[in-house]
N, C-alpha and C. Protein backbone atom coordinates (compact mmCIF):
# COMPACT_ATOMS: atom_id res chain seq x y z
N MET A 1 -21.70 35.29 7.80
CA MET A 1 -20.49 34.79 8.46
C MET A 1 -20.34 33.28 8.21
N LYS A 2 -21.46 32.55 8.39
CA LYS A 2 -21.40 31.11 8.20
C LYS A 2 -21.08 30.79 6.74
N PHE A 3 -21.68 31.57 5.79
CA PHE A 3 -21.45 31.35 4.36
C PHE A 3 -19.98 31.60 4.01
N ALA A 4 -19.43 32.68 4.59
CA ALA A 4 -18.02 33.02 4.33
C ALA A 4 -17.09 31.93 4.84
N ALA A 5 -17.41 31.38 6.00
CA ALA A 5 -16.58 30.31 6.56
C ALA A 5 -16.64 29.07 5.67
N THR A 6 -17.84 28.81 5.14
CA THR A 6 -17.99 27.67 4.23
C THR A 6 -17.15 27.84 2.98
N LEU A 7 -17.17 29.08 2.45
CA LEU A 7 -16.37 29.37 1.25
C LEU A 7 -14.88 29.19 1.51
N ARG A 8 -14.44 29.64 2.71
CA ARG A 8 -13.02 29.49 3.04
C ARG A 8 -12.63 28.03 3.17
N ALA A 9 -13.55 27.19 3.64
CA ALA A 9 -13.26 25.77 3.84
C ALA A 9 -13.35 24.97 2.54
N LEU A 10 -14.03 25.55 1.53
CA LEU A 10 -14.29 24.81 0.30
C LEU A 10 -13.02 24.31 -0.41
N PRO A 11 -11.97 25.14 -0.55
CA PRO A 11 -10.77 24.62 -1.23
C PRO A 11 -10.19 23.37 -0.56
N LEU A 12 -10.19 23.35 0.77
CA LEU A 12 -9.67 22.19 1.49
C LEU A 12 -10.54 20.97 1.23
N VAL A 13 -11.87 21.17 1.28
CA VAL A 13 -12.80 20.06 1.04
C VAL A 13 -12.61 19.51 -0.36
N LEU A 14 -12.50 20.40 -1.35
CA LEU A 14 -12.31 19.97 -2.73
C LEU A 14 -10.99 19.26 -2.92
N ALA A 15 -9.95 19.76 -2.25
CA ALA A 15 -8.63 19.13 -2.36
C ALA A 15 -8.65 17.73 -1.78
N LEU A 16 -9.30 17.58 -0.63
CA LEU A 16 -9.38 16.26 -0.01
C LEU A 16 -10.21 15.30 -0.86
N ALA A 17 -11.30 15.82 -1.44
CA ALA A 17 -12.14 14.99 -2.29
C ALA A 17 -11.38 14.54 -3.53
N ALA A 18 -10.63 15.46 -4.11
CA ALA A 18 -9.85 15.13 -5.30
C ALA A 18 -8.77 14.11 -4.96
N MET A 19 -8.15 14.27 -3.79
CA MET A 19 -7.10 13.36 -3.36
C MET A 19 -7.66 11.95 -3.18
N GLY A 20 -8.85 11.86 -2.57
CA GLY A 20 -9.47 10.56 -2.38
C GLY A 20 -9.84 9.92 -3.70
N ALA A 21 -10.38 10.74 -4.63
CA ALA A 21 -10.78 10.23 -5.93
C ALA A 21 -9.57 9.74 -6.71
N ALA A 22 -8.45 10.46 -6.58
CA ALA A 22 -7.24 10.11 -7.33
C ALA A 22 -6.67 8.79 -6.88
N ALA A 23 -6.95 8.40 -5.64
CA ALA A 23 -6.39 7.15 -5.12
C ALA A 23 -7.35 5.98 -5.28
N ALA A 24 -8.38 6.16 -6.10
CA ALA A 24 -9.35 5.09 -6.34
C ALA A 24 -9.03 4.35 -7.63
N PRO A 25 -9.37 3.07 -7.71
CA PRO A 25 -9.17 2.34 -8.95
C PRO A 25 -9.79 3.05 -10.14
N GLY A 26 -9.05 3.12 -11.23
CA GLY A 26 -9.48 3.85 -12.41
C GLY A 26 -8.85 5.22 -12.51
N GLY A 27 -8.38 5.76 -11.37
CA GLY A 27 -7.72 7.06 -11.36
C GLY A 27 -6.21 6.92 -11.39
N LEU A 28 -5.54 8.04 -11.60
CA LEU A 28 -4.09 8.03 -11.59
C LEU A 28 -3.58 7.93 -10.15
N ALA A 29 -2.55 7.16 -9.95
CA ALA A 29 -1.96 7.02 -8.61
C ALA A 29 -1.27 8.32 -8.23
N PRO A 30 -1.57 8.90 -7.08
CA PRO A 30 -0.87 10.11 -6.65
C PRO A 30 0.63 9.88 -6.58
N ASP A 31 1.39 10.77 -7.20
CA ASP A 31 2.85 10.63 -7.14
C ASP A 31 3.32 10.98 -5.73
N PHE A 32 4.44 10.43 -5.34
CA PHE A 32 5.01 10.75 -4.04
C PHE A 32 6.51 10.51 -4.08
N THR A 33 7.20 11.17 -3.19
CA THR A 33 8.62 10.89 -2.97
C THR A 33 8.76 10.49 -1.51
N GLY A 34 9.25 9.30 -1.28
CA GLY A 34 9.42 8.80 0.08
C GLY A 34 10.88 8.49 0.36
N THR A 35 11.16 8.18 1.61
CA THR A 35 12.52 7.84 2.02
C THR A 35 12.55 6.38 2.43
N ASP A 36 13.46 5.61 1.81
CA ASP A 36 13.53 4.19 2.15
C ASP A 36 14.30 3.98 3.45
N THR A 37 14.44 2.73 3.85
CA THR A 37 15.03 2.41 5.15
C THR A 37 16.50 2.82 5.26
N SER A 38 17.15 3.05 4.12
CA SER A 38 18.55 3.49 4.15
C SER A 38 18.69 5.00 3.97
N GLY A 39 17.55 5.70 3.87
CA GLY A 39 17.57 7.16 3.73
C GLY A 39 17.56 7.64 2.29
N LYS A 40 17.44 6.73 1.33
CA LYS A 40 17.44 7.09 -0.08
C LYS A 40 16.03 7.52 -0.52
N ALA A 41 15.97 8.54 -1.37
CA ALA A 41 14.68 9.02 -1.88
C ALA A 41 14.15 8.05 -2.94
N VAL A 42 12.87 7.74 -2.84
CA VAL A 42 12.19 6.88 -3.81
C VAL A 42 10.96 7.62 -4.30
N ARG A 43 10.86 7.76 -5.62
CA ARG A 43 9.74 8.50 -6.22
C ARG A 43 8.91 7.53 -7.06
N LEU A 44 7.59 7.53 -6.86
CA LEU A 44 6.73 6.61 -7.60
C LEU A 44 6.88 6.81 -9.10
N SER A 45 6.92 8.05 -9.56
CA SER A 45 6.97 8.32 -11.01
C SER A 45 8.24 7.80 -11.66
N ASP A 46 9.26 7.49 -10.87
CA ASP A 46 10.49 6.90 -11.44
C ASP A 46 10.21 5.51 -12.02
N TYR A 47 9.10 4.91 -11.60
CA TYR A 47 8.78 3.56 -12.05
C TYR A 47 7.67 3.53 -13.09
N LYS A 48 7.37 4.68 -13.68
CA LYS A 48 6.36 4.71 -14.74
C LYS A 48 6.83 3.80 -15.87
N GLY A 49 5.92 3.02 -16.41
CA GLY A 49 6.29 2.03 -17.42
C GLY A 49 6.38 0.64 -16.85
N LYS A 50 6.26 0.53 -15.52
CA LYS A 50 6.28 -0.77 -14.84
C LYS A 50 5.02 -0.92 -13.98
N PHE A 51 4.68 -2.15 -13.70
CA PHE A 51 3.65 -2.41 -12.71
C PHE A 51 4.26 -2.17 -11.33
N VAL A 52 3.48 -1.55 -10.45
CA VAL A 52 3.94 -1.26 -9.09
C VAL A 52 2.88 -1.73 -8.09
N VAL A 53 3.32 -2.38 -7.04
CA VAL A 53 2.44 -2.74 -5.93
C VAL A 53 2.81 -1.88 -4.73
N LEU A 54 1.82 -1.28 -4.10
CA LEU A 54 2.02 -0.52 -2.87
C LEU A 54 1.38 -1.32 -1.73
N GLU A 55 2.19 -1.63 -0.74
CA GLU A 55 1.74 -2.43 0.41
C GLU A 55 1.90 -1.62 1.68
N TRP A 56 0.79 -1.25 2.31
CA TRP A 56 0.90 -0.56 3.61
C TRP A 56 1.14 -1.59 4.70
N THR A 57 2.14 -1.32 5.54
CA THR A 57 2.57 -2.33 6.50
C THR A 57 2.85 -1.72 7.88
N ASN A 58 2.87 -2.58 8.88
CA ASN A 58 3.22 -2.20 10.25
C ASN A 58 3.51 -3.50 11.02
N PRO A 59 4.76 -3.75 11.40
CA PRO A 59 5.12 -5.00 12.08
C PRO A 59 4.35 -5.26 13.37
N GLU A 60 3.77 -4.21 13.97
CA GLU A 60 3.03 -4.39 15.22
C GLU A 60 1.64 -4.97 15.00
N CYS A 61 1.20 -5.01 13.75
CA CYS A 61 -0.18 -5.42 13.45
C CYS A 61 -0.29 -6.92 13.25
N PRO A 62 -1.18 -7.61 13.98
CA PRO A 62 -1.32 -9.06 13.82
C PRO A 62 -1.78 -9.49 12.43
N PHE A 63 -2.48 -8.61 11.72
CA PHE A 63 -2.92 -8.94 10.36
C PHE A 63 -1.73 -8.89 9.39
N VAL A 64 -0.80 -7.98 9.63
CA VAL A 64 0.43 -7.95 8.84
C VAL A 64 1.26 -9.19 9.15
N ARG A 65 1.37 -9.51 10.43
CA ARG A 65 2.16 -10.68 10.83
C ARG A 65 1.56 -11.97 10.25
N LYS A 66 0.23 -12.01 10.12
CA LYS A 66 -0.42 -13.17 9.48
C LYS A 66 0.21 -13.45 8.12
N HIS A 67 0.37 -12.39 7.32
CA HIS A 67 0.85 -12.57 5.95
C HIS A 67 2.36 -12.75 5.87
N TYR A 68 3.07 -12.34 6.90
CA TYR A 68 4.52 -12.57 6.93
C TYR A 68 4.86 -13.90 7.62
N ASP A 69 4.14 -14.22 8.69
CA ASP A 69 4.40 -15.50 9.37
C ASP A 69 4.10 -16.69 8.47
N SER A 70 3.12 -16.52 7.57
CA SER A 70 2.74 -17.59 6.64
C SER A 70 3.59 -17.57 5.38
N GLN A 71 4.45 -16.56 5.24
CA GLN A 71 5.27 -16.36 4.04
C GLN A 71 4.44 -15.94 2.83
N ASN A 72 3.18 -15.57 3.05
CA ASN A 72 2.31 -15.18 1.95
C ASN A 72 2.78 -13.89 1.29
N MET A 73 3.10 -12.88 2.10
CA MET A 73 3.52 -11.59 1.54
C MET A 73 4.86 -11.72 0.84
N GLN A 74 5.81 -12.41 1.47
CA GLN A 74 7.12 -12.58 0.86
C GLN A 74 7.02 -13.38 -0.44
N GLY A 75 6.11 -14.36 -0.45
CA GLY A 75 5.91 -15.15 -1.66
C GLY A 75 5.45 -14.30 -2.83
N LEU A 76 4.50 -13.40 -2.55
CA LEU A 76 4.02 -12.48 -3.58
C LEU A 76 5.13 -11.53 -4.04
N GLN A 77 5.88 -11.00 -3.07
CA GLN A 77 6.97 -10.08 -3.41
C GLN A 77 7.97 -10.76 -4.35
N LYS A 78 8.32 -11.99 -4.05
CA LYS A 78 9.31 -12.71 -4.86
C LYS A 78 8.73 -13.15 -6.20
N GLU A 79 7.49 -13.63 -6.17
CA GLU A 79 6.83 -14.09 -7.40
C GLU A 79 6.75 -12.98 -8.45
N PHE A 80 6.32 -11.81 -8.01
CA PHE A 80 6.14 -10.72 -8.98
C PHE A 80 7.39 -9.88 -9.16
N GLY A 81 8.28 -9.89 -8.17
CA GLY A 81 9.58 -9.24 -8.36
C GLY A 81 10.34 -9.90 -9.50
N ALA A 82 10.18 -11.22 -9.62
CA ALA A 82 10.82 -11.97 -10.70
C ALA A 82 10.22 -11.63 -12.06
N LYS A 83 9.03 -11.00 -12.05
CA LYS A 83 8.37 -10.59 -13.30
C LYS A 83 8.51 -9.09 -13.53
N ASP A 84 9.49 -8.49 -12.85
CA ASP A 84 9.82 -7.07 -12.99
C ASP A 84 8.74 -6.12 -12.45
N VAL A 85 7.92 -6.62 -11.53
CA VAL A 85 6.97 -5.76 -10.84
C VAL A 85 7.70 -5.09 -9.68
N VAL A 86 7.51 -3.79 -9.53
CA VAL A 86 8.15 -3.03 -8.45
C VAL A 86 7.25 -3.08 -7.22
N TRP A 87 7.75 -3.65 -6.14
CA TRP A 87 6.96 -3.79 -4.90
C TRP A 87 7.51 -2.81 -3.87
N LEU A 88 6.66 -1.87 -3.47
CA LEU A 88 7.05 -0.88 -2.47
C LEU A 88 6.20 -1.07 -1.21
N ALA A 89 6.85 -1.40 -0.11
CA ALA A 89 6.17 -1.47 1.19
C ALA A 89 6.27 -0.08 1.82
N ILE A 90 5.19 0.34 2.45
CA ILE A 90 5.14 1.68 3.05
C ILE A 90 4.65 1.58 4.48
N ASN A 91 5.43 2.11 5.41
CA ASN A 91 5.00 2.18 6.81
C ASN A 91 4.65 3.63 7.11
N SER A 92 3.34 3.90 7.17
CA SER A 92 2.86 5.27 7.40
C SER A 92 2.58 5.55 8.87
N THR A 93 3.05 4.66 9.77
CA THR A 93 2.90 4.92 11.20
C THR A 93 3.59 6.24 11.53
N ASN A 94 2.83 7.18 12.07
CA ASN A 94 3.38 8.50 12.35
C ASN A 94 4.49 8.43 13.40
N LYS A 95 5.47 9.29 13.25
CA LYS A 95 6.62 9.28 14.17
C LYS A 95 6.22 9.56 15.61
N SER A 96 5.01 10.12 15.83
CA SER A 96 4.53 10.39 17.19
C SER A 96 3.91 9.15 17.83
N SER A 97 3.71 8.08 17.05
CA SER A 97 3.06 6.87 17.57
C SER A 97 4.07 5.97 18.29
N SER A 98 3.59 5.26 19.30
CA SER A 98 4.45 4.31 20.01
C SER A 98 4.84 3.12 19.12
N GLU A 99 4.13 2.94 18.01
CA GLU A 99 4.40 1.84 17.09
C GLU A 99 5.35 2.25 15.95
N PHE A 100 5.81 3.48 15.97
CA PHE A 100 6.71 3.96 14.91
C PHE A 100 8.00 3.13 14.88
N LYS A 101 8.47 2.84 13.68
CA LYS A 101 9.71 2.09 13.50
C LYS A 101 10.68 2.92 12.66
N THR A 102 11.93 2.96 13.07
CA THR A 102 12.95 3.63 12.29
C THR A 102 13.30 2.76 11.08
N GLY A 103 14.08 3.32 10.17
CA GLY A 103 14.52 2.55 9.02
C GLY A 103 15.29 1.31 9.43
N ALA A 104 16.17 1.46 10.41
CA ALA A 104 16.98 0.33 10.88
C ALA A 104 16.10 -0.76 11.49
N GLN A 105 15.09 -0.34 12.26
CA GLN A 105 14.19 -1.31 12.88
C GLN A 105 13.37 -2.06 11.83
N MET A 106 12.88 -1.33 10.81
CA MET A 106 12.13 -1.98 9.74
C MET A 106 13.02 -2.93 8.96
N ASP A 107 14.24 -2.50 8.68
CA ASP A 107 15.19 -3.33 7.95
C ASP A 107 15.44 -4.65 8.68
N ALA A 108 15.64 -4.56 9.98
CA ALA A 108 15.91 -5.76 10.77
C ALA A 108 14.71 -6.71 10.73
N TRP A 109 13.51 -6.17 10.85
CA TRP A 109 12.30 -7.00 10.82
C TRP A 109 12.12 -7.65 9.46
N LEU A 110 12.35 -6.89 8.40
CA LEU A 110 12.20 -7.42 7.04
C LEU A 110 13.20 -8.54 6.77
N LYS A 111 14.44 -8.33 7.20
CA LYS A 111 15.47 -9.35 6.99
C LYS A 111 15.17 -10.62 7.78
N THR A 112 14.70 -10.46 9.02
CA THR A 112 14.34 -11.61 9.84
C THR A 112 13.24 -12.44 9.18
N ASN A 113 12.34 -11.75 8.47
CA ASN A 113 11.21 -12.43 7.85
C ASN A 113 11.45 -12.81 6.39
N GLY A 114 12.63 -12.52 5.87
CA GLY A 114 12.94 -12.88 4.49
C GLY A 114 12.11 -12.13 3.47
N ALA A 115 11.75 -10.89 3.79
CA ALA A 115 10.94 -10.08 2.88
C ALA A 115 11.76 -9.64 1.68
N ALA A 116 11.04 -9.36 0.56
CA ALA A 116 11.75 -9.02 -0.67
C ALA A 116 11.10 -7.88 -1.46
N PRO A 117 10.69 -6.78 -0.79
CA PRO A 117 10.18 -5.66 -1.57
C PRO A 117 11.33 -4.96 -2.29
N LYS A 118 11.00 -4.22 -3.33
CA LYS A 118 12.03 -3.40 -4.01
C LYS A 118 12.58 -2.37 -3.04
N ALA A 119 11.69 -1.79 -2.24
CA ALA A 119 12.08 -0.81 -1.21
C ALA A 119 10.99 -0.74 -0.16
N THR A 120 11.37 -0.34 1.04
CA THR A 120 10.42 -0.09 2.12
C THR A 120 10.57 1.36 2.54
N LEU A 121 9.45 2.09 2.51
CA LEU A 121 9.48 3.52 2.79
C LEU A 121 9.00 3.82 4.20
N ILE A 122 9.71 4.73 4.85
CA ILE A 122 9.32 5.19 6.18
C ILE A 122 8.59 6.53 6.00
N ASP A 123 7.27 6.45 6.08
CA ASP A 123 6.40 7.62 5.87
C ASP A 123 6.09 8.25 7.24
N ALA A 124 7.12 8.80 7.88
CA ALA A 124 7.02 9.26 9.27
C ALA A 124 6.00 10.38 9.47
N SER A 125 5.75 11.16 8.41
CA SER A 125 4.76 12.25 8.51
C SER A 125 3.37 11.77 8.14
N SER A 126 3.27 10.53 7.65
CA SER A 126 2.01 9.92 7.19
C SER A 126 1.46 10.58 5.93
N GLU A 127 2.24 11.43 5.28
CA GLU A 127 1.76 12.18 4.12
C GLU A 127 1.34 11.26 2.97
N THR A 128 2.15 10.26 2.68
CA THR A 128 1.83 9.36 1.57
C THR A 128 0.61 8.52 1.91
N GLY A 129 0.53 8.04 3.14
CA GLY A 129 -0.64 7.27 3.55
C GLY A 129 -1.92 8.06 3.40
N ARG A 130 -1.89 9.32 3.78
CA ARG A 130 -3.08 10.17 3.67
C ARG A 130 -3.42 10.44 2.21
N ALA A 131 -2.41 10.60 1.35
CA ALA A 131 -2.66 10.86 -0.07
C ALA A 131 -3.42 9.70 -0.71
N TYR A 132 -3.17 8.49 -0.20
CA TYR A 132 -3.86 7.31 -0.73
C TYR A 132 -5.07 6.91 0.11
N SER A 133 -5.34 7.65 1.17
CA SER A 133 -6.41 7.29 2.11
C SER A 133 -6.24 5.84 2.57
N ALA A 134 -4.98 5.45 2.82
CA ALA A 134 -4.69 4.10 3.31
C ALA A 134 -5.34 3.93 4.68
N LYS A 135 -6.17 2.92 4.81
CA LYS A 135 -6.96 2.76 6.03
C LYS A 135 -6.41 1.70 6.98
N THR A 136 -5.84 0.65 6.41
CA THR A 136 -5.44 -0.48 7.25
C THR A 136 -4.05 -0.97 6.89
N THR A 137 -3.51 -1.80 7.77
CA THR A 137 -2.31 -2.57 7.43
C THR A 137 -2.70 -4.03 7.51
N PRO A 138 -2.59 -4.76 6.35
CA PRO A 138 -2.19 -4.21 5.06
C PRO A 138 -3.34 -3.52 4.31
N HIS A 139 -2.99 -2.60 3.42
CA HIS A 139 -3.90 -2.02 2.43
C HIS A 139 -3.09 -2.02 1.15
N MET A 140 -3.63 -2.59 0.08
CA MET A 140 -2.86 -2.85 -1.12
C MET A 140 -3.37 -2.05 -2.32
N PHE A 141 -2.43 -1.60 -3.15
CA PHE A 141 -2.77 -0.95 -4.42
C PHE A 141 -1.90 -1.55 -5.51
N VAL A 142 -2.49 -1.74 -6.68
CA VAL A 142 -1.74 -2.15 -7.87
C VAL A 142 -1.83 -1.02 -8.89
N VAL A 143 -0.66 -0.57 -9.35
CA VAL A 143 -0.58 0.53 -10.31
C VAL A 143 -0.04 -0.02 -11.62
N ASP A 144 -0.69 0.31 -12.74
CA ASP A 144 -0.23 -0.23 -14.03
C ASP A 144 0.85 0.67 -14.64
N PRO A 145 1.46 0.27 -15.75
CA PRO A 145 2.56 1.04 -16.33
C PRO A 145 2.21 2.46 -16.75
N SER A 146 0.93 2.75 -16.96
CA SER A 146 0.53 4.11 -17.32
C SER A 146 0.35 5.00 -16.09
N GLY A 147 0.48 4.39 -14.90
CA GLY A 147 0.31 5.15 -13.66
C GLY A 147 -1.10 5.12 -13.11
N LYS A 148 -1.94 4.27 -13.67
CA LYS A 148 -3.33 4.17 -13.23
C LYS A 148 -3.48 3.07 -12.17
N ILE A 149 -4.30 3.33 -11.16
CA ILE A 149 -4.60 2.32 -10.15
C ILE A 149 -5.59 1.32 -10.74
N VAL A 150 -5.21 0.05 -10.79
CA VAL A 150 -6.10 -0.98 -11.33
C VAL A 150 -6.70 -1.85 -10.22
N TYR A 151 -6.14 -1.73 -9.02
CA TYR A 151 -6.73 -2.43 -7.87
C TYR A 151 -6.42 -1.66 -6.60
N GLY A 152 -7.38 -1.65 -5.68
CA GLY A 152 -7.16 -1.07 -4.36
C GLY A 152 -8.03 -1.76 -3.34
N GLY A 153 -7.43 -2.17 -2.21
CA GLY A 153 -8.22 -2.79 -1.16
C GLY A 153 -7.49 -3.84 -0.38
N ALA A 154 -8.21 -4.90 -0.02
CA ALA A 154 -7.67 -5.99 0.81
C ALA A 154 -6.71 -6.85 0.00
N ILE A 155 -5.83 -7.54 0.69
CA ILE A 155 -4.92 -8.46 0.01
C ILE A 155 -5.67 -9.71 -0.46
N ASP A 156 -6.68 -10.15 0.34
CA ASP A 156 -7.43 -11.35 -0.02
C ASP A 156 -8.80 -11.31 0.64
N ASP A 157 -9.54 -12.42 0.50
CA ASP A 157 -10.92 -12.45 1.00
C ASP A 157 -11.07 -13.16 2.34
N LYS A 158 -9.97 -13.49 3.02
CA LYS A 158 -10.05 -14.12 4.34
C LYS A 158 -9.72 -13.07 5.40
N ARG A 159 -10.76 -12.45 5.93
CA ARG A 159 -10.58 -11.30 6.81
C ARG A 159 -10.29 -11.73 8.24
N SER A 160 -9.16 -12.40 8.43
CA SER A 160 -8.79 -12.89 9.76
C SER A 160 -7.31 -12.63 9.98
N ALA A 161 -6.85 -12.92 11.21
CA ALA A 161 -5.43 -12.79 11.53
C ALA A 161 -4.77 -14.16 11.63
N ASN A 162 -5.45 -15.19 11.11
CA ASN A 162 -4.95 -16.56 11.18
C ASN A 162 -4.07 -16.87 9.96
N PRO A 163 -2.77 -17.13 10.15
CA PRO A 163 -1.88 -17.41 9.02
C PRO A 163 -2.34 -18.56 8.14
N ALA A 164 -3.01 -19.55 8.71
CA ALA A 164 -3.46 -20.72 7.95
C ALA A 164 -4.47 -20.35 6.87
N ASP A 165 -5.18 -19.24 7.07
CA ASP A 165 -6.22 -18.83 6.12
C ASP A 165 -5.65 -18.39 4.77
N THR A 166 -4.37 -18.06 4.72
CA THR A 166 -3.80 -17.61 3.45
C THR A 166 -3.79 -18.73 2.41
N LYS A 167 -3.79 -19.98 2.87
CA LYS A 167 -3.71 -21.12 1.95
C LYS A 167 -4.98 -21.30 1.13
N THR A 168 -6.11 -20.91 1.69
CA THR A 168 -7.39 -21.10 0.99
C THR A 168 -8.01 -19.79 0.54
N ALA A 169 -7.29 -18.69 0.69
CA ALA A 169 -7.84 -17.38 0.36
C ALA A 169 -7.79 -17.11 -1.15
N ASN A 170 -8.74 -16.29 -1.60
CA ASN A 170 -8.70 -15.74 -2.95
C ASN A 170 -7.85 -14.47 -2.89
N ASN A 171 -6.65 -14.51 -3.46
CA ASN A 171 -5.72 -13.38 -3.34
C ASN A 171 -6.03 -12.34 -4.42
N TYR A 172 -6.60 -11.21 -4.00
CA TYR A 172 -7.00 -10.17 -4.94
C TYR A 172 -5.81 -9.53 -5.65
N VAL A 173 -4.70 -9.41 -4.95
CA VAL A 173 -3.52 -8.75 -5.53
C VAL A 173 -2.94 -9.60 -6.66
N ARG A 174 -2.79 -10.90 -6.40
CA ARG A 174 -2.28 -11.80 -7.44
C ARG A 174 -3.21 -11.80 -8.66
N ALA A 175 -4.51 -11.86 -8.40
CA ALA A 175 -5.49 -11.89 -9.50
C ALA A 175 -5.41 -10.60 -10.32
N ALA A 176 -5.33 -9.46 -9.64
CA ALA A 176 -5.28 -8.17 -10.34
C ALA A 176 -4.01 -8.06 -11.18
N LEU A 177 -2.89 -8.49 -10.63
CA LEU A 177 -1.64 -8.44 -11.38
C LEU A 177 -1.68 -9.38 -12.59
N ASN A 178 -2.13 -10.60 -12.38
CA ASN A 178 -2.16 -11.56 -13.47
C ASN A 178 -3.07 -11.09 -14.61
N GLU A 179 -4.24 -10.58 -14.26
CA GLU A 179 -5.17 -10.10 -15.28
C GLU A 179 -4.62 -8.88 -16.01
N SER A 180 -4.17 -7.92 -15.23
CA SER A 180 -3.68 -6.67 -15.83
C SER A 180 -2.44 -6.90 -16.68
N MET A 181 -1.53 -7.75 -16.20
CA MET A 181 -0.31 -8.02 -16.95
C MET A 181 -0.59 -8.80 -18.24
N ALA A 182 -1.75 -9.48 -18.28
CA ALA A 182 -2.15 -10.20 -19.48
C ALA A 182 -2.97 -9.32 -20.42
N GLY A 183 -3.11 -8.05 -20.05
CA GLY A 183 -3.87 -7.12 -20.90
C GLY A 183 -5.37 -7.22 -20.73
N LYS A 184 -5.82 -7.85 -19.65
CA LYS A 184 -7.24 -8.01 -19.40
C LYS A 184 -7.72 -7.00 -18.35
N PRO A 185 -9.00 -6.64 -18.36
CA PRO A 185 -9.52 -5.79 -17.29
C PRO A 185 -9.53 -6.57 -15.99
N VAL A 186 -9.32 -5.86 -14.89
CA VAL A 186 -9.30 -6.50 -13.58
C VAL A 186 -10.74 -6.79 -13.14
N THR A 187 -11.03 -8.04 -12.88
CA THR A 187 -12.39 -8.46 -12.54
C THR A 187 -12.86 -7.82 -11.24
N VAL A 188 -12.01 -7.88 -10.21
CA VAL A 188 -12.32 -7.25 -8.91
C VAL A 188 -11.30 -6.14 -8.70
N ALA A 189 -11.72 -4.90 -8.98
CA ALA A 189 -10.80 -3.77 -8.93
C ALA A 189 -10.79 -3.05 -7.59
N SER A 190 -11.80 -3.31 -6.75
CA SER A 190 -11.89 -2.60 -5.47
C SER A 190 -12.55 -3.48 -4.43
N THR A 191 -11.94 -3.54 -3.25
CA THR A 191 -12.52 -4.25 -2.11
C THR A 191 -12.29 -3.40 -0.85
N THR A 192 -12.96 -3.76 0.22
CA THR A 192 -12.76 -3.07 1.49
C THR A 192 -11.56 -3.69 2.19
N PRO A 193 -10.53 -2.90 2.50
CA PRO A 193 -9.35 -3.47 3.17
C PRO A 193 -9.68 -3.90 4.59
N TYR A 194 -8.91 -4.85 5.09
CA TYR A 194 -9.07 -5.27 6.48
C TYR A 194 -7.71 -5.29 7.16
N GLY A 195 -7.71 -5.17 8.47
CA GLY A 195 -6.46 -5.17 9.24
C GLY A 195 -6.53 -4.18 10.38
N CYS A 196 -5.36 -3.73 10.82
CA CYS A 196 -5.26 -2.72 11.88
C CYS A 196 -5.34 -1.34 11.24
N SER A 197 -5.87 -0.39 11.95
CA SER A 197 -5.92 0.98 11.42
C SER A 197 -4.50 1.53 11.28
N VAL A 198 -4.29 2.32 10.22
CA VAL A 198 -2.99 2.99 10.05
C VAL A 198 -2.85 4.00 11.18
N LYS A 199 -1.70 4.01 11.84
CA LYS A 199 -1.53 4.84 13.03
C LYS A 199 -1.08 6.26 12.66
N TYR A 200 -2.09 7.03 12.19
CA TYR A 200 -1.85 8.43 11.82
C TYR A 200 -1.69 9.32 13.05
C-alpha cells in the first residue's frame, strides 16, 4: 500500500523537481501567459530574441519599497529599457491574500513611483510565481534571447530594507545584463534572494 502510494505521488514529485530545475540559471525559462494591469495577455515566448528581466514585486513589502523609494528599481527599468531589454514586473500575491492588488491598484502605485516596466502582470493564482519558485519580493531573473536563464536571485548584495544601501550595493542584475549583453558569461549567475516572502 505504501509503495503504491509512493508510485502515485512520483509524477507530481518529478514534475515539481523539473519545474524547479527549469527555473534555475542555465535552464530554459518556463514559458507563461500572464495578464497585465490593463487585462491584456502577455506571453514570455513573445519576447524570444530579446533579453528579459522578471521582477517579482509587492507594494506592501518594505524591501520592494526600498528599491522604489530610492529610485533604484525605476533606474534599472529605464536604463535597460532604453537598450531594448523587456522588463516584466510580476505580482504573484494570491487573490486570497489581504495584500492582493488589482490591476488598477498596481497601476496607480507604479505611476506614483515613476516605474517603467514594459508590463506588470497580476498573477492572482500565483501560477507563474510557483513555476519559477519565486521566494521573495523582490526576486529577480534575467533571461537571454535564446530563452535561457542567465541569472536568478537577489537584486543586489545589501540585504536590508534601507533605501540608502542601494548606493553602495553590488547590483547583480545590472552586472548580469551587462556581461550577458556583451557576450560574456555571467560571473555571478545565482544568489539567494532576500525580501518578503511571496504571499502564495
